[in-house]
N, C-alpha and C. Protein backbone atom coordinates (compact mmCIF):
# COMPACT_ATOMS: atom_id res chain seq x y z
N MET A 1 -11.68 -156.53 10.56
CA MET A 1 -12.83 -156.40 11.40
C MET A 1 -12.17 -156.09 12.73
N ALA A 2 -11.38 -157.09 12.88
CA ALA A 2 -10.99 -157.08 14.34
C ALA A 2 -10.18 -155.74 14.36
N THR A 3 -9.33 -155.79 13.43
CA THR A 3 -8.29 -154.63 13.55
C THR A 3 -9.43 -153.42 13.71
N LEU A 4 -10.12 -152.97 13.10
CA LEU A 4 -10.96 -152.23 13.31
C LEU A 4 -11.83 -151.67 14.83
N CYS A 5 -11.92 -153.23 15.24
CA CYS A 5 -12.41 -152.99 16.61
C CYS A 5 -11.34 -152.43 17.66
N ARG A 6 -9.88 -152.92 17.63
CA ARG A 6 -8.99 -152.70 18.36
C ARG A 6 -8.80 -151.29 18.42
N LEU A 7 -8.78 -150.42 17.22
CA LEU A 7 -8.57 -149.59 16.87
C LEU A 7 -9.54 -148.33 17.38
N ARG A 8 -10.76 -148.99 17.47
CA ARG A 8 -11.89 -148.30 17.98
C ARG A 8 -11.51 -148.34 19.54
N SER A 9 -11.41 -149.26 20.00
CA SER A 9 -11.20 -149.48 21.45
C SER A 9 -9.79 -148.63 22.13
N ALA A 10 -9.33 -148.51 21.03
CA ALA A 10 -7.57 -147.74 21.33
C ALA A 10 -8.21 -146.50 21.29
N LEU A 11 -9.03 -145.75 20.50
CA LEU A 11 -9.12 -144.44 20.63
C LEU A 11 -10.15 -144.09 21.62
N ARG A 12 -11.21 -144.84 21.87
CA ARG A 12 -11.77 -145.16 23.03
C ARG A 12 -11.10 -144.26 24.76
N ASN A 13 -9.81 -145.82 24.38
CA ASN A 13 -8.84 -145.43 25.93
C ASN A 13 -8.49 -144.50 25.84
N ILE A 14 -7.61 -144.24 24.39
CA ILE A 14 -6.86 -142.79 24.74
C ILE A 14 -8.13 -141.56 24.96
N SER A 15 -9.19 -141.81 24.88
CA SER A 15 -10.00 -139.98 25.28
C SER A 15 -10.30 -140.39 26.70
N VAL A 16 -10.29 -141.51 27.14
CA VAL A 16 -10.25 -141.88 28.76
C VAL A 16 -9.17 -141.28 29.31
N LEU A 17 -7.92 -141.76 28.81
CA LEU A 17 -6.96 -141.23 29.02
C LEU A 17 -6.60 -139.30 29.28
N GLN A 18 -7.17 -138.81 28.44
CA GLN A 18 -6.96 -137.36 27.92
C GLN A 18 -7.96 -136.73 29.18
N THR A 19 -8.84 -137.33 29.64
CA THR A 19 -9.86 -136.81 30.10
C THR A 19 -9.09 -137.05 31.76
N GLN A 20 -8.51 -138.20 31.94
CA GLN A 20 -7.78 -138.56 33.27
C GLN A 20 -6.32 -137.12 32.99
N LEU A 21 -6.02 -137.02 32.15
CA LEU A 21 -4.80 -136.06 32.23
C LEU A 21 -5.64 -134.73 32.34
N ARG A 22 -6.42 -134.45 31.96
CA ARG A 22 -7.02 -132.87 32.30
C ARG A 22 -7.46 -132.92 33.97
N SER A 23 -7.80 -134.18 34.50
CA SER A 23 -8.33 -134.04 35.54
C SER A 23 -7.16 -134.14 36.66
N ALA A 24 -6.04 -134.55 36.25
CA ALA A 24 -5.07 -134.80 37.23
C ALA A 24 -4.24 -133.90 37.00
N THR A 25 -4.12 -132.79 35.86
CA THR A 25 -3.72 -131.55 36.27
C THR A 25 -4.70 -130.49 37.17
N HIS A 26 -5.75 -130.58 36.84
CA HIS A 26 -6.38 -129.89 38.14
C HIS A 26 -6.39 -130.31 39.68
N LYS A 27 -6.09 -131.41 39.65
CA LYS A 27 -5.44 -131.75 40.97
C LYS A 27 -4.45 -131.48 41.86
N SER A 28 -4.13 -131.24 42.89
CA SER A 28 -3.44 -130.95 43.34
C SER A 28 -1.75 -131.86 43.32
N LEU A 29 -0.98 -130.88 43.51
CA LEU A 29 0.32 -131.68 42.69
C LEU A 29 0.95 -132.68 44.07
N ALA A 30 0.75 -132.48 45.27
CA ALA A 30 0.90 -133.40 46.65
C ALA A 30 0.07 -134.45 46.51
N THR A 31 -0.64 -135.16 45.98
CA THR A 31 -1.36 -136.55 45.52
C THR A 31 -1.00 -137.05 44.61
N PRO A 32 -0.37 -137.74 45.19
CA PRO A 32 0.66 -138.49 44.29
C PRO A 32 -0.08 -139.69 43.58
N CYS A 33 -0.13 -140.52 42.51
CA CYS A 33 -0.87 -141.81 42.09
C CYS A 33 0.34 -142.53 41.43
N TYR A 34 0.49 -143.88 41.94
CA TYR A 34 1.34 -144.58 41.48
C TYR A 34 0.83 -145.72 40.84
N LYS A 35 0.05 -145.93 40.65
CA LYS A 35 -0.63 -147.15 40.16
C LYS A 35 -0.20 -147.32 38.82
N THR A 36 -0.63 -148.89 39.13
CA THR A 36 0.10 -149.25 37.38
C THR A 36 -1.48 -149.87 36.32
N LEU A 37 -1.10 -150.03 35.38
CA LEU A 37 -1.95 -150.53 34.58
C LEU A 37 -2.55 -151.90 34.77
N THR A 38 -3.39 -151.89 34.76
CA THR A 38 -4.04 -153.08 35.09
C THR A 38 -4.91 -153.94 33.60
N CYS A 39 -4.35 -154.63 33.05
CA CYS A 39 -5.05 -155.58 31.87
C CYS A 39 -5.36 -156.92 32.14
N SER A 40 -6.33 -157.09 31.22
CA SER A 40 -6.40 -158.63 31.20
C SER A 40 -5.77 -159.18 30.19
N ARG A 41 -5.01 -158.84 29.36
CA ARG A 41 -4.71 -158.99 28.11
C ARG A 41 -3.46 -158.53 28.02
N PRO A 42 -2.68 -158.99 27.01
CA PRO A 42 -1.22 -158.39 26.61
C PRO A 42 -1.30 -157.01 26.40
N VAL A 43 -0.59 -155.66 26.59
CA VAL A 43 -0.55 -154.35 25.81
C VAL A 43 -1.08 -154.45 24.53
N HIS A 44 -0.43 -155.31 24.19
CA HIS A 44 -0.60 -155.03 22.50
C HIS A 44 -1.89 -155.02 22.30
N SER A 45 -3.14 -155.66 22.59
CA SER A 45 -3.88 -155.96 22.23
C SER A 45 -4.95 -154.89 22.11
N LEU A 46 -4.55 -153.76 23.33
CA LEU A 46 -5.21 -152.55 23.42
C LEU A 46 -6.62 -152.86 23.95
N ASN A 47 -6.78 -153.44 24.83
CA ASN A 47 -8.16 -153.79 25.09
C ASN A 47 -8.48 -154.27 26.77
N PHE A 48 -8.37 -152.82 27.50
CA PHE A 48 -7.79 -152.85 28.74
C PHE A 48 -9.35 -153.05 29.59
N THR A 49 -9.21 -153.60 30.83
CA THR A 49 -10.48 -153.87 31.19
C THR A 49 -10.94 -152.76 32.38
N LYS A 50 -9.88 -151.81 32.69
CA LYS A 50 -10.14 -151.02 33.73
C LYS A 50 -9.19 -149.55 33.09
N ALA A 51 -9.77 -148.41 33.19
CA ALA A 51 -8.86 -147.41 32.91
C ALA A 51 -7.57 -146.99 33.60
N PRO A 52 -6.46 -147.01 32.80
CA PRO A 52 -5.49 -146.87 33.71
C PRO A 52 -5.47 -145.80 34.59
N GLU A 53 -4.61 -145.72 35.90
CA GLU A 53 -4.70 -144.41 36.41
C GLU A 53 -3.09 -143.73 35.95
N LEU A 54 -3.14 -142.27 35.55
CA LEU A 54 -1.81 -141.76 35.11
C LEU A 54 -0.72 -141.64 35.94
N LEU A 55 0.35 -142.00 35.25
CA LEU A 55 1.17 -142.22 36.35
C LEU A 55 2.24 -140.74 36.41
N ARG A 56 2.69 -140.32 37.47
CA ARG A 56 3.34 -139.01 38.16
C ARG A 56 4.73 -138.80 38.26
N PRO A 57 5.57 -138.21 37.44
CA PRO A 57 7.03 -138.87 37.65
C PRO A 57 7.48 -138.34 39.00
N ALA A 58 8.49 -139.03 39.40
CA ALA A 58 9.17 -138.57 40.39
C ALA A 58 9.59 -137.48 40.66
N ALA A 59 10.61 -137.26 39.50
CA ALA A 59 11.13 -135.67 39.41
C ALA A 59 11.29 -134.91 37.94
N ALA A 60 11.16 -134.20 37.83
CA ALA A 60 11.23 -133.11 36.40
C ALA A 60 12.22 -133.61 35.74
N ILE A 61 11.77 -133.47 34.38
CA ILE A 61 12.67 -133.73 33.59
C ILE A 61 13.14 -132.44 32.53
N THR A 62 14.72 -132.51 32.75
CA THR A 62 14.26 -131.32 32.05
C THR A 62 15.72 -131.30 30.65
N CYS A 63 15.08 -130.80 29.80
CA CYS A 63 15.85 -130.72 28.40
C CYS A 63 16.81 -129.86 27.94
N LEU A 64 17.76 -130.15 27.67
CA LEU A 64 18.63 -129.48 27.04
C LEU A 64 19.42 -129.74 26.02
N ARG A 65 19.63 -128.34 25.15
CA ARG A 65 20.23 -128.60 23.77
C ARG A 65 22.07 -128.14 23.98
N HIS A 66 22.57 -128.86 23.34
CA HIS A 66 24.02 -128.46 23.34
C HIS A 66 24.62 -128.21 21.61
N TYR A 67 25.11 -126.77 21.48
CA TYR A 67 25.18 -126.52 20.19
C TYR A 67 26.82 -126.38 20.34
N ALA A 68 27.58 -127.15 19.65
CA ALA A 68 29.06 -127.44 19.14
C ALA A 68 29.09 -128.02 17.95
N GLU A 69 30.51 -127.39 17.91
CA GLU A 69 30.93 -128.61 16.57
C GLU A 69 31.19 -129.89 17.00
N LEU A 70 31.52 -131.02 15.80
CA LEU A 70 31.82 -132.33 16.40
C LEU A 70 33.13 -131.76 16.61
N PRO A 71 34.09 -132.93 16.91
CA PRO A 71 35.12 -132.88 16.94
C PRO A 71 35.79 -133.16 15.43
N PRO A 72 37.34 -133.00 14.72
CA PRO A 72 37.77 -133.05 13.90
C PRO A 72 37.76 -134.57 13.27
N MET A 73 37.79 -134.68 11.83
CA MET A 73 37.91 -136.37 11.69
C MET A 73 39.11 -136.29 11.30
N THR A 74 39.40 -137.91 11.50
CA THR A 74 40.90 -138.42 11.28
C THR A 74 40.36 -139.25 9.92
N PHE A 75 41.88 -139.26 9.03
CA PHE A 75 41.73 -140.48 8.18
C PHE A 75 41.52 -141.76 8.30
N ASP A 76 41.82 -141.90 9.60
CA ASP A 76 41.37 -143.61 10.34
C ASP A 76 39.56 -143.39 10.50
N GLN A 77 38.89 -142.41 11.13
CA GLN A 77 37.50 -142.69 11.42
C GLN A 77 36.69 -142.60 9.63
N LEU A 78 37.24 -141.44 9.05
CA LEU A 78 36.93 -141.62 7.60
C LEU A 78 37.29 -143.16 7.19
N GLU A 79 38.36 -143.89 6.81
CA GLU A 79 38.75 -144.83 6.55
C GLU A 79 37.65 -145.99 7.13
N GLU A 80 36.95 -145.97 8.29
CA GLU A 80 36.47 -146.99 9.21
C GLU A 80 35.25 -146.76 8.49
N ARG A 81 34.46 -145.56 8.49
CA ARG A 81 33.27 -145.52 8.22
C ARG A 81 32.95 -145.86 6.62
N THR A 82 33.78 -145.22 5.94
CA THR A 82 33.74 -146.01 4.46
C THR A 82 33.70 -147.49 4.35
N LEU A 83 34.90 -148.16 5.31
CA LEU A 83 34.51 -149.88 4.69
C LEU A 83 33.49 -150.03 5.01
N ASN A 84 32.93 -149.52 6.37
CA ASN A 84 31.70 -150.25 6.94
C ASN A 84 30.84 -150.20 6.25
N LEU A 85 30.72 -149.11 5.23
CA LEU A 85 29.60 -148.77 4.15
C LEU A 85 29.52 -149.34 3.38
N LEU A 86 30.65 -149.74 2.79
CA LEU A 86 30.74 -150.36 1.31
C LEU A 86 30.56 -152.24 2.13
N LYS A 87 31.27 -152.15 3.37
CA LYS A 87 30.80 -153.88 3.75
C LYS A 87 29.09 -154.40 3.78
N LEU A 88 28.53 -153.11 4.12
CA LEU A 88 27.16 -153.42 4.29
C LEU A 88 26.21 -153.25 2.76
N PHE A 89 27.08 -152.86 1.73
CA PHE A 89 26.29 -152.70 0.67
C PHE A 89 26.04 -154.12 0.17
N ASP A 90 24.90 -154.50 -0.66
CA ASP A 90 24.24 -155.75 -0.58
C ASP A 90 25.01 -156.31 -1.89
N LYS A 91 25.92 -155.58 -2.52
CA LYS A 91 26.31 -156.01 -3.77
C LYS A 91 27.83 -156.14 -3.53
N VAL A 92 28.29 -156.21 -2.66
CA VAL A 92 30.00 -155.87 -2.10
C VAL A 92 29.94 -157.08 -1.36
N ASP A 93 31.05 -158.13 -1.71
CA ASP A 93 31.25 -159.36 -1.08
C ASP A 93 32.41 -158.76 0.19
N PRO A 94 32.01 -158.34 1.71
CA PRO A 94 32.63 -158.15 2.75
C PRO A 94 33.75 -158.50 2.59
N ASP A 95 33.81 -159.66 2.65
CA ASP A 95 35.68 -160.02 2.48
C ASP A 95 36.55 -159.05 1.17
N LYS A 96 35.90 -158.96 0.46
CA LYS A 96 37.26 -158.21 -0.57
C LYS A 96 37.45 -156.87 -0.87
N VAL A 97 36.71 -156.46 0.45
CA VAL A 97 36.90 -154.68 0.91
C VAL A 97 37.85 -154.12 1.29
N LYS A 98 38.96 -153.46 1.07
CA LYS A 98 40.02 -153.03 1.53
C LYS A 98 40.49 -151.57 0.75
N VAL A 99 41.26 -151.42 1.44
CA VAL A 99 41.67 -149.50 0.97
C VAL A 99 42.22 -149.69 -0.37
N GLU A 100 43.00 -150.41 -0.82
CA GLU A 100 43.29 -150.59 -2.33
C GLU A 100 42.24 -151.07 -3.42
N SER A 101 41.18 -151.57 -3.06
CA SER A 101 40.04 -152.32 -3.47
C SER A 101 39.62 -151.37 -5.16
N HIS A 102 39.37 -151.50 -6.05
CA HIS A 102 39.06 -151.06 -7.02
C HIS A 102 37.84 -151.34 -7.18
N LEU A 103 36.50 -150.21 -7.07
CA LEU A 103 35.52 -150.43 -7.43
C LEU A 103 34.68 -151.38 -8.10
N ILE A 104 35.16 -151.22 -9.41
CA ILE A 104 34.62 -152.05 -10.70
C ILE A 104 35.51 -153.33 -10.90
N ASN A 105 36.66 -153.29 -10.80
CA ASN A 105 37.32 -154.54 -11.02
C ASN A 105 37.52 -155.85 -9.79
N ASP A 106 37.69 -154.81 -8.39
CA ASP A 106 37.91 -155.84 -7.52
C ASP A 106 36.31 -156.23 -7.01
N LEU A 107 35.67 -155.30 -6.68
CA LEU A 107 34.48 -155.30 -6.38
C LEU A 107 33.47 -156.11 -6.79
N GLY A 108 33.30 -155.92 -8.16
CA GLY A 108 32.67 -156.75 -9.42
C GLY A 108 30.79 -155.74 -9.31
N LEU A 109 31.44 -153.89 -9.24
CA LEU A 109 29.93 -153.27 -9.33
C LEU A 109 30.34 -152.92 -10.62
N ASP A 110 28.92 -151.85 -10.90
CA ASP A 110 29.08 -151.26 -12.04
C ASP A 110 28.80 -149.75 -12.14
N SER A 111 28.68 -149.47 -12.86
CA SER A 111 28.54 -147.67 -12.84
C SER A 111 27.28 -147.16 -12.35
N LEU A 112 26.57 -147.96 -12.45
CA LEU A 112 25.08 -147.44 -11.66
C LEU A 112 25.73 -147.94 -10.16
N ASP A 113 25.71 -149.16 -9.56
CA ASP A 113 26.22 -149.32 -8.29
C ASP A 113 26.90 -148.63 -7.67
N VAL A 114 28.28 -147.31 -8.32
CA VAL A 114 28.81 -146.96 -8.30
C VAL A 114 28.30 -145.07 -7.48
N VAL A 115 27.28 -145.00 -8.25
CA VAL A 115 26.59 -144.10 -8.34
C VAL A 115 25.60 -144.28 -7.00
N GLU A 116 25.05 -145.07 -6.71
CA GLU A 116 24.60 -145.20 -5.51
C GLU A 116 25.75 -145.77 -4.30
N ILE A 117 27.06 -145.80 -4.47
CA ILE A 117 27.86 -145.87 -3.16
C ILE A 117 27.84 -144.62 -2.87
N ILE A 118 28.00 -143.77 -4.23
CA ILE A 118 28.33 -142.25 -4.00
C ILE A 118 27.51 -141.47 -3.05
N MET A 119 25.96 -141.91 -3.66
CA MET A 119 24.69 -141.01 -2.82
C MET A 119 24.53 -142.01 -1.25
N ALA A 120 24.94 -143.12 -0.92
CA ALA A 120 25.16 -143.24 0.26
C ALA A 120 26.13 -142.55 1.01
N ILE A 121 27.38 -142.18 0.31
CA ILE A 121 28.34 -141.94 1.14
C ILE A 121 28.06 -140.45 1.40
N GLU A 122 27.31 -140.03 0.55
CA GLU A 122 26.77 -138.53 0.81
C GLU A 122 25.54 -138.48 1.76
N ASP A 123 24.79 -139.59 1.94
CA ASP A 123 24.04 -139.43 3.13
C ASP A 123 24.60 -139.71 4.78
N GLU A 124 25.53 -140.95 4.67
CA GLU A 124 26.48 -141.28 5.67
C GLU A 124 27.10 -139.81 5.90
N PHE A 125 27.79 -139.28 5.24
CA PHE A 125 28.88 -138.29 5.75
C PHE A 125 28.05 -136.84 5.69
N ALA A 126 26.84 -136.52 5.21
CA ALA A 126 25.78 -135.18 4.97
C ALA A 126 26.56 -134.35 4.49
N LEU A 127 27.10 -134.80 3.39
CA LEU A 127 27.69 -133.76 2.48
C LEU A 127 27.24 -133.57 1.02
N GLU A 128 27.68 -133.15 0.13
CA GLU A 128 27.16 -133.30 -1.27
C GLU A 128 28.68 -133.31 -2.32
N ILE A 129 28.59 -134.19 -2.89
CA ILE A 129 29.50 -134.57 -3.76
C ILE A 129 29.27 -134.50 -5.40
N ASN A 130 29.52 -133.40 -5.95
CA ASN A 130 29.53 -133.23 -7.53
C ASN A 130 29.74 -133.86 -8.74
N ASP A 131 29.19 -133.84 -9.97
CA ASP A 131 29.55 -135.51 -10.59
C ASP A 131 30.76 -135.09 -11.13
N GLU A 132 31.78 -133.96 -11.38
CA GLU A 132 33.23 -134.13 -11.45
C GLU A 132 33.99 -134.50 -10.55
N GLU A 133 33.20 -134.43 -9.01
CA GLU A 133 34.28 -135.34 -8.04
C GLU A 133 34.06 -136.65 -8.18
N ALA A 134 32.81 -136.78 -8.55
CA ALA A 134 32.21 -138.50 -8.79
C ALA A 134 32.97 -139.39 -9.55
N GLU A 135 33.33 -138.43 -10.48
CA GLU A 135 33.82 -139.01 -11.83
C GLU A 135 35.22 -139.84 -11.49
N LYS A 136 35.69 -138.98 -10.90
CA LYS A 136 37.04 -139.25 -10.62
C LYS A 136 37.70 -140.63 -9.27
N VAL A 137 36.16 -141.08 -9.00
CA VAL A 137 36.11 -142.29 -7.76
C VAL A 137 36.06 -143.19 -8.71
N PHE A 138 37.22 -144.36 -8.43
CA PHE A 138 37.62 -145.20 -9.14
C PHE A 138 37.90 -146.20 -7.87
N THR A 139 38.11 -145.87 -7.01
CA THR A 139 38.89 -146.96 -6.12
C THR A 139 38.22 -146.63 -4.49
N VAL A 140 38.34 -147.38 -3.29
CA VAL A 140 38.28 -146.92 -1.91
C VAL A 140 38.89 -145.63 -1.27
N LYS A 141 40.34 -145.76 -1.65
CA LYS A 141 41.43 -144.53 -1.16
C LYS A 141 40.80 -143.35 -1.76
N ASP A 142 40.58 -143.73 -3.23
CA ASP A 142 40.03 -142.29 -3.87
C ASP A 142 38.52 -141.72 -2.86
N ILE A 143 37.99 -142.24 -2.30
CA ILE A 143 36.91 -142.24 -1.61
C ILE A 143 37.26 -141.04 -0.60
N ILE A 144 37.99 -142.15 0.37
CA ILE A 144 38.54 -141.59 1.60
C ILE A 144 39.53 -140.19 1.10
N GLU A 145 40.20 -140.13 0.27
CA GLU A 145 40.70 -139.02 -0.05
C GLU A 145 39.90 -137.63 -0.46
N LEU A 146 38.67 -138.02 -0.84
CA LEU A 146 37.58 -137.13 -1.40
C LEU A 146 36.85 -136.51 -0.44
N LEU A 147 36.67 -137.60 0.98
CA LEU A 147 35.86 -137.31 2.30
C LEU A 147 37.27 -136.18 2.93
N GLY A 148 38.45 -136.64 2.91
CA GLY A 148 39.44 -136.04 3.47
C GLY A 148 39.33 -134.63 2.93
N ASP A 149 39.29 -134.05 1.37
CA ASP A 149 39.22 -133.05 1.41
C ASP A 149 38.45 -132.07 1.53
N LYS A 150 37.12 -132.59 1.80
CA LYS A 150 35.71 -132.20 2.00
C LYS A 150 35.71 -131.74 3.50
N PHE A 151 36.34 -132.48 4.30
CA PHE A 151 36.35 -132.56 5.79
C PHE A 151 37.67 -131.48 6.32
N ASP A 152 38.52 -131.49 5.20
CA ASP A 152 39.62 -130.79 5.50
C ASP A 152 40.27 -131.22 6.52
N VAL A 153 40.77 -132.51 6.57
CA VAL A 153 41.55 -133.42 7.10
C VAL A 153 42.99 -133.47 6.77
N SER A 154 43.48 -133.21 7.70
CA SER A 154 45.13 -133.06 7.59
C SER A 154 46.02 -134.74 8.21
N GLU A 155 46.74 -135.05 8.00
CA GLU A 155 47.00 -136.39 8.24
C GLU A 155 47.95 -136.27 9.53
């Protein structure tokens, strides 16, 4: 019930802010309003005793988009990201993860865990690994070489 009351109070405050925003856009841009929020409780309680004034930014914010390719990947970057991903996998002991580690024999994973790792690699590197390629993965080095082929990395 208390949460519902806070939500209702927050919605009222939002409508007050919207009204102030509408009136602030009609005012002259030369009138600054730099007052701060006045609260009787912490902000997370969403119970303002006085409707806050809107803050006007001192400078305009410009958004830019840059369309460019990422720099080419190297085997060191692929190795580092793959090892970090495997170390963060909850069923793997981070101390056992090495480039030469076998996923099943050394790391103690089963076939379902290997599939989960392949899916995590697809998410991490934003690519798709088909079933034929995934069946050839047995070691961490196999994963890195597969990623090197996908990203066309040369040593």
